[in-house]
PDB file of N, CA and C in Angstrom:
ATOM      1  N   MET A   1      39.996  -4.718  -9.500  1.00  0.00           N
ATOM      2  CA  MET A   1      39.149  -5.525 -10.335  1.00  0.00           C
ATOM      3  C   MET A   1      37.721  -4.976 -10.358  1.00  0.00           C
ATOM      4  N   LEU A   2      37.275  -4.492  -9.212  1.00  0.00           N
ATOM      5  CA  LEU A   2      35.935  -3.931  -9.142  1.00  0.00           C
ATOM      6  C   LEU A   2      35.828  -2.668  -9.995  1.00  0.00           C
ATOM      7  N   LEU A   3      36.862  -1.838  -9.997  1.00  0.00           N
ATOM      8  CA  LEU A   3      36.819  -0.622 -10.807  1.00  0.00           C
ATOM      9  C   LEU A   3      36.781  -0.934 -12.296  1.00  0.00           C
ATOM     10  N   ALA A   4      37.457  -1.973 -12.727  1.00  0.00           N
ATOM     11  CA  ALA A   4      37.410  -2.355 -14.140  1.00  0.00           C
ATOM     12  C   ALA A   4      36.004  -2.789 -14.536  1.00  0.00           C
ATOM     13  N   LEU A   5      35.345  -3.523 -13.671  1.00  0.00           N
ATOM     14  CA  LEU A   5      33.964  -3.925 -13.942  1.00  0.00           C
ATOM     15  C   LEU A   5      33.047  -2.706 -13.996  1.00  0.00           C
ATOM     16  N   LEU A   6      33.238  -1.766 -13.078  1.00  0.00           N
ATOM     17  CA  LEU A   6      32.416  -0.553 -13.076  1.00  0.00           C
ATOM     18  C   LEU A   6      32.628   0.261 -14.346  1.00  0.00           C
ATOM     19  N   VAL A   7      33.866   0.340 -14.817  1.00  0.00           N
ATOM     20  CA  VAL A   7      34.158   1.088 -16.040  1.00  0.00           C
ATOM     21  C   VAL A   7      33.436   0.478 -17.225  1.00  0.00           C
ATOM     22  N   VAL A   8      33.465  -0.829 -17.347  1.00  0.00           N
ATOM     23  CA  VAL A   8      32.795  -1.489 -18.469  1.00  0.00           C
ATOM     24  C   VAL A   8      31.276  -1.368 -18.350  1.00  0.00           C
ATOM     25  N   VAL A   9      30.751  -1.480 -17.157  1.00  0.00           N
ATOM     26  CA  VAL A   9      29.301  -1.363 -16.976  1.00  0.00           C
ATOM     27  C   VAL A   9      28.826   0.041 -17.313  1.00  0.00           C
ATOM     28  N   ILE A  10      29.538   1.052 -16.855  1.00  0.00           N
ATOM     29  CA  ILE A  10      29.127   2.430 -17.135  1.00  0.00           C
ATOM     30  C   ILE A  10      29.308   2.776 -18.604  1.00  0.00           C
ATOM     31  N   GLY A  11      30.423   2.381 -19.189  1.00  0.00           N
ATOM     32  CA  GLY A  11      30.693   2.733 -20.579  1.00  0.00           C
ATOM     33  C   GLY A  11      29.853   1.968 -21.573  1.00  0.00           C
ATOM     34  N   GLY A  12      29.493   0.764 -21.249  1.00  0.00           N
ATOM     35  CA  GLY A  12      28.768  -0.073 -22.193  1.00  0.00           C
ATOM     36  C   GLY A  12      29.750  -0.919 -22.988  1.00  0.00           C
ATOM     37  N   LEU A  13      29.290  -2.041 -23.462  1.00  0.00           N
ATOM     38  CA  LEU A  13      30.179  -2.953 -24.163  1.00  0.00           C
ATOM     39  C   LEU A  13      30.368  -2.608 -25.634  1.00  0.00           C
ATOM     40  N   GLY A  14      29.583  -1.721 -26.183  1.00  0.00           N
ATOM     41  CA  GLY A  14      29.622  -1.470 -27.611  1.00  0.00           C
ATOM     42  C   GLY A  14      30.541  -0.358 -28.075  1.00  0.00           C
ATOM     43  N   SER A  15      31.102   0.418 -27.175  1.00  0.00           N
ATOM     44  CA  SER A  15      31.870   1.584 -27.600  1.00  0.00           C
ATOM     45  C   SER A  15      33.144   1.720 -26.771  1.00  0.00           C
ATOM     46  N   VAL A  16      34.269   1.792 -27.474  1.00  0.00           N
ATOM     47  CA  VAL A  16      35.546   1.966 -26.792  1.00  0.00           C
ATOM     48  C   VAL A  16      35.661   3.392 -26.257  1.00  0.00           C
ATOM     49  N   LYS A  17      35.125   4.363 -27.003  1.00  0.00           N
ATOM     50  CA  LYS A  17      35.182   5.756 -26.552  1.00  0.00           C
ATOM     51  C   LYS A  17      34.454   5.952 -25.223  1.00  0.00           C
ATOM     52  N   SER A  18      33.310   5.328 -25.076  1.00  0.00           N
ATOM     53  CA  SER A  18      32.567   5.499 -23.833  1.00  0.00           C
ATOM     54  C   SER A  18      33.240   4.781 -22.664  1.00  0.00           C
ATOM     55  N   VAL A  19      33.941   3.685 -22.941  1.00  0.00           N
ATOM     56  CA  VAL A  19      34.678   3.001 -21.881  1.00  0.00           C
ATOM     57  C   VAL A  19      35.852   3.860 -21.423  1.00  0.00           C
ATOM     58  N   VAL A  20      36.543   4.507 -22.364  1.00  0.00           N
ATOM     59  CA  VAL A  20      37.648   5.401 -21.997  1.00  0.00           C
ATOM     60  C   VAL A  20      37.120   6.590 -21.207  1.00  0.00           C
ATOM     61  N   LEU A  21      35.993   7.161 -21.636  1.00  0.00           N
ATOM     62  CA  LEU A  21      35.395   8.274 -20.913  1.00  0.00           C
ATOM     63  C   LEU A  21      34.965   7.865 -19.509  1.00  0.00           C
ATOM     64  N   SER A  22      34.376   6.697 -19.382  1.00  0.00           N
ATOM     65  CA  SER A  22      33.969   6.243 -18.049  1.00  0.00           C
ATOM     66  C   SER A  22      35.172   5.938 -17.166  1.00  0.00           C
ATOM     67  N   ALA A  23      36.276   5.462 -17.754  1.00  0.00           N
ATOM     68  CA  ALA A  23      37.498   5.238 -16.972  1.00  0.00           C
ATOM     69  C   ALA A  23      38.053   6.553 -16.453  1.00  0.00           C
ATOM     70  N   LEU A  24      38.031   7.587 -17.266  1.00  0.00           N
ATOM     71  CA  LEU A  24      38.492   8.907 -16.816  1.00  0.00           C
ATOM     72  C   LEU A  24      37.603   9.460 -15.711  1.00  0.00           C
ATOM     73  N   ILE A  25      36.299   9.352 -15.890  1.00  0.00           N
ATOM     74  CA  ILE A  25      35.369   9.858 -14.880  1.00  0.00           C
ATOM     75  C   ILE A  25      35.547   9.119 -13.558  1.00  0.00           C
ATOM     76  N   LEU A  26      35.586   7.791 -13.618  1.00  0.00           N
ATOM     77  CA  LEU A  26      35.741   7.030 -12.374  1.00  0.00           C
ATOM     78  C   LEU A  26      37.114   7.232 -11.747  1.00  0.00           C
ATOM     79  N   GLY A  27      38.137   7.451 -12.570  1.00  0.00           N
ATOM     80  CA  GLY A  27      39.465   7.738 -12.018  1.00  0.00           C
ATOM     81  C   GLY A  27      39.482   9.037 -11.237  1.00  0.00           C
ATOM     82  N   PHE A  28      38.877  10.074 -11.800  1.00  0.00           N
ATOM     83  CA  PHE A  28      38.801  11.359 -11.096  1.00  0.00           C
ATOM     84  C   PHE A  28      37.958  11.244  -9.827  1.00  0.00           C
ATOM     85  N   VAL A  29      36.818  10.567  -9.939  1.00  0.00           N
ATOM     86  CA  VAL A  29      35.940  10.418  -8.769  1.00  0.00           C
ATOM     87  C   VAL A  29      36.638   9.639  -7.670  1.00  0.00           C
ATOM     88  N   GLU A  30      37.311   8.558  -8.031  1.00  0.00           N
ATOM     89  CA  GLU A  30      38.003   7.744  -7.037  1.00  0.00           C
ATOM     90  C   GLU A  30      39.134   8.523  -6.369  1.00  0.00           C
ATOM     91  N   THR A  31      39.895   9.273  -7.160  1.00  0.00           N
ATOM     92  CA  THR A  31      41.009  10.047  -6.601  1.00  0.00           C
ATOM     93  C   THR A  31      40.511  11.139  -5.669  1.00  0.00           C
ATOM     94  N   PHE A  32      39.547  11.909  -6.114  1.00  0.00           N
ATOM     95  CA  PHE A  32      39.049  12.997  -5.281  1.00  0.00           C
ATOM     96  C   PHE A  32      38.311  12.488  -4.052  1.00  0.00           C
ATOM     97  N   SER A  33      37.602  11.372  -4.178  1.00  0.00           N
ATOM     98  CA  SER A  33      36.897  10.850  -3.011  1.00  0.00           C
ATOM     99  C   SER A  33      37.878  10.274  -1.986  1.00  0.00           C
ATOM    100  N   ARG A  34      39.005   9.742  -2.443  1.00  0.00           N
ATOM    101  CA  ARG A  34      40.013   9.262  -1.478  1.00  0.00           C
ATOM    102  C   ARG A  34      40.703  10.411  -0.761  1.00  0.00           C
ATOM    103  N   VAL A  35      40.788  11.568  -1.416  1.00  0.00           N
ATOM    104  CA  VAL A  35      41.401  12.738  -0.770  1.00  0.00           C
ATOM    105  C   VAL A  35      40.424  13.383   0.204  1.00  0.00           C
ATOM    106  N   TRP A  36      39.182  13.598  -0.230  1.00  0.00           N
ATOM    107  CA  TRP A  36      38.225  14.355   0.574  1.00  0.00           C
ATOM    108  C   TRP A  36      37.428  13.488   1.532  1.00  0.00           C
ATOM    109  N   PHE A  37      37.088  12.261   1.129  1.00  0.00           N
ATOM    110  CA  PHE A  37      36.292  11.352   1.962  1.00  0.00           C
ATOM    111  C   PHE A  37      36.954   9.979   1.998  1.00  0.00           C
ATOM    112  N   PRO A  38      38.063   9.818   2.708  1.00  0.00           N
ATOM    113  CA  PRO A  38      38.814   8.558   2.631  1.00  0.00           C
ATOM    114  C   PRO A  38      38.034   7.332   3.095  1.00  0.00           C
ATOM    115  N   SER A  39      37.164   7.495   4.053  1.00  0.00           N
ATOM    116  CA  SER A  39      36.437   6.319   4.542  1.00  0.00           C
ATOM    117  C   SER A  39      35.227   5.977   3.674  1.00  0.00           C
ATOM    118  N   PHE A  40      34.809   6.879   2.807  1.00  0.00           N
ATOM    119  CA  PHE A  40      33.630   6.654   1.968  1.00  0.00           C
ATOM    120  C   PHE A  40      33.961   6.613   0.479  1.00  0.00           C
ATOM    121  N   SER A  41      35.211   6.374   0.117  1.00  0.00           N
ATOM    122  CA  SER A  41      35.597   6.467  -1.293  1.00  0.00           C
ATOM    123  C   SER A  41      34.895   5.407  -2.147  1.00  0.00           C
ATOM    124  N   SER A  42      34.755   4.202  -1.649  1.00  0.00           N
ATOM    125  CA  SER A  42      34.061   3.164  -2.429  1.00  0.00           C
ATOM    126  C   SER A  42      32.572   3.477  -2.562  1.00  0.00           C
ATOM    127  N   ALA A  43      31.985   4.009  -1.513  1.00  0.00           N
ATOM    128  CA  ALA A  43      30.562   4.364  -1.569  1.00  0.00           C
ATOM    129  C   ALA A  43      30.319   5.501  -2.555  1.00  0.00           C
ATOM    130  N   VAL A  44      31.220   6.456  -2.597  1.00  0.00           N
ATOM    131  CA  VAL A  44      31.078   7.572  -3.546  1.00  0.00           C
ATOM    132  C   VAL A  44      31.193   7.051  -4.973  1.00  0.00           C
ATOM    133  N   THR A  45      32.141   6.158  -5.215  1.00  0.00           N
ATOM    134  CA  THR A  45      32.316   5.601  -6.551  1.00  0.00           C
ATOM    135  C   THR A  45      31.089   4.809  -6.983  1.00  0.00           C
ATOM    136  N   LEU A  46      30.552   3.997  -6.113  1.00  0.00           N
ATOM    137  CA  LEU A  46      29.342   3.246  -6.448  1.00  0.00           C
ATOM    138  C   LEU A  46      28.142   4.163  -6.629  1.00  0.00           C
ATOM    139  N   GLY A  47      28.079   5.244  -5.853  1.00  0.00           N
ATOM    140  CA  GLY A  47      26.999   6.213  -6.017  1.00  0.00           C
ATOM    141  C   GLY A  47      27.045   6.900  -7.363  1.00  0.00           C
ATOM    142  N   VAL A  48      28.239   7.240  -7.817  1.00  0.00           N
ATOM    143  CA  VAL A  48      28.383   7.852  -9.147  1.00  0.00           C
ATOM    144  C   VAL A  48      27.975   6.856 -10.219  1.00  0.00           C
ATOM    145  N   MET A  49      28.344   5.588 -10.054  1.00  0.00           N
ATOM    146  CA  MET A  49      27.937   4.564 -11.011  1.00  0.00           C
ATOM    147  C   MET A  49      26.415   4.455 -11.077  1.00  0.00           C
ATOM    148  N   LEU A  50      25.768   4.421  -9.937  1.00  0.00           N
ATOM    149  CA  LEU A  50      24.308   4.334  -9.913  1.00  0.00           C
ATOM    150  C   LEU A  50      23.661   5.556 -10.542  1.00  0.00           C
ATOM    151  N   LEU A  51      24.212   6.728 -10.275  1.00  0.00           N
ATOM    152  CA  LEU A  51      23.674   7.952 -10.859  1.00  0.00           C
ATOM    153  C   LEU A  51      23.790   7.950 -12.381  1.00  0.00           C
ATOM    154  N   ILE A  52      24.935   7.533 -12.884  1.00  0.00           N
ATOM    155  CA  ILE A  52      25.118   7.488 -14.336  1.00  0.00           C
ATOM    156  C   ILE A  52      24.201   6.443 -14.962  1.00  0.00           C
ATOM    157  N   LEU A  53      24.036   5.303 -14.310  1.00  0.00           N
ATOM    158  CA  LEU A  53      23.169   4.262 -14.872  1.00  0.00           C
ATOM    159  C   LEU A  53      21.695   4.655 -14.835  1.00  0.00           C
ATOM    160  N   VAL A  54      21.300   5.473 -13.885  1.00  0.00           N
ATOM    161  CA  VAL A  54      19.916   5.945 -13.861  1.00  0.00           C
ATOM    162  C   VAL A  54      19.684   6.949 -14.989  1.00  0.00           C
ATOM    163  N   VAL A  55      20.670   7.825 -15.216  1.00  0.00           N
ATOM    164  CA  VAL A  55      20.516   8.858 -16.242  1.00  0.00           C
ATOM    165  C   VAL A  55      20.719   8.287 -17.642  1.00  0.00           C
ATOM    166  N   ARG A  56      21.756   7.480 -17.827  1.00  0.00           N
ATOM    167  CA  ARG A  56      22.087   6.911 -19.138  1.00  0.00           C
ATOM    168  C   ARG A  56      22.221   5.389 -19.034  1.00  0.00           C
ATOM    169  N   PRO A  57      21.132   4.632 -19.037  1.00  0.00           N
ATOM    170  CA  PRO A  57      21.226   3.177 -18.832  1.00  0.00           C
ATOM    171  C   PRO A  57      21.881   2.420 -19.986  1.00  0.00           C
ATOM    172  N   ASN A  58      21.965   3.017 -21.175  1.00  0.00           N
ATOM    173  CA  ASN A  58      22.587   2.335 -22.314  1.00  0.00           C
ATOM    174  C   ASN A  58      24.083   2.584 -22.414  1.00  0.00           C
ATOM    175  N   GLY A  59      24.642   3.344 -21.510  1.00  0.00           N
ATOM    176  CA  GLY A  59      26.045   3.703 -21.574  1.00  0.00           C
ATOM    177  C   GLY A  59      26.199   5.194 -21.775  1.00  0.00           C
ATOM    178  N   LEU A  60      27.408   5.697 -21.624  1.00  0.00           N
ATOM    179  CA  LEU A  60      27.602   7.140 -21.699  1.00  0.00           C
ATOM    180  C   LEU A  60      27.383   7.704 -23.096  1.00  0.00           C
ATOM    181  N   LEU A  61      27.956   7.082 -24.110  1.00  0.00           N
ATOM    182  CA  LEU A  61      27.880   7.627 -25.458  1.00  0.00           C
ATOM    183  C   LEU A  61      27.014   6.791 -26.390  1.00  0.00           C
ATOM    184  N   GLN A  62      26.237   5.881 -25.866  1.00  0.00           N
ATOM    185  CA  GLN A  62      25.380   5.048 -26.693  1.00  0.00           C
ATOM    186  C   GLN A  62      24.210   5.872 -27.224  1.00  0.00           C
ATOM    187  N   ALA A  63      23.882   5.613 -28.477  1.00  0.00           N
ATOM    188  CA  ALA A  63      22.750   6.321 -29.087  1.00  0.00           C
ATOM    189  C   ALA A  63      21.444   5.818 -28.477  1.00  0.00           C
ATOM    190  N   ARG A  64      20.531   6.731 -28.291  1.00  0.00           N
ATOM    191  CA  ARG A  64      19.225   6.337 -27.769  1.00  0.00           C
ATOM    192  C   ARG A  64      18.423   5.684 -28.884  1.00  0.00           C
ATOM    193  N   THR A  65      17.670   4.666 -28.534  1.00  0.00           N
ATOM    194  CA  THR A  65      16.876   3.962 -29.537  1.00  0.00           C
ATOM    195  C   THR A  65      15.571   4.713 -29.771  1.00  0.00           C
ATOM    196  N   ARG A  66      15.146   4.715 -31.020  1.00  0.00           N
ATOM    197  CA  ARG A  66      13.903   5.366 -31.393  1.00  0.00           C
ATOM    198  C   ARG A  66      12.842   4.316 -31.629  1.00  0.00           C
ATOM    199  N   PHE A  67      11.651   4.646 -31.254  1.00  0.00           N
ATOM    200  CA  PHE A  67      10.525   3.778 -31.517  1.00  0.00           C
ATOM    201  C   PHE A  67       9.785   4.303 -32.728  1.00  0.00           C
ATOM    202  N   ALA A  68       9.626   3.460 -33.728  1.00  0.00           N
ATOM    203  CA  ALA A  68       8.963   3.891 -34.951  1.00  0.00           C
ATOM    204  C   ALA A  68       7.528   3.444 -34.988  1.00  0.00           C
TER     205      ALA A  68
END
């Protein structure tokens, strides 16, 4: 349930493409972190979420707003 919430938060609510992309990214991160860092897999996943939200706060594929 937590991963579904993370996918929607990272992808943004306005775009299905960005939600699918964020699901793929988090799926790969979760799988690889469970293989390489089994005791820190949740921390790695949350760290990736925080990193993406710092870089792209509007979502992965959301257009940036322009100020006129």
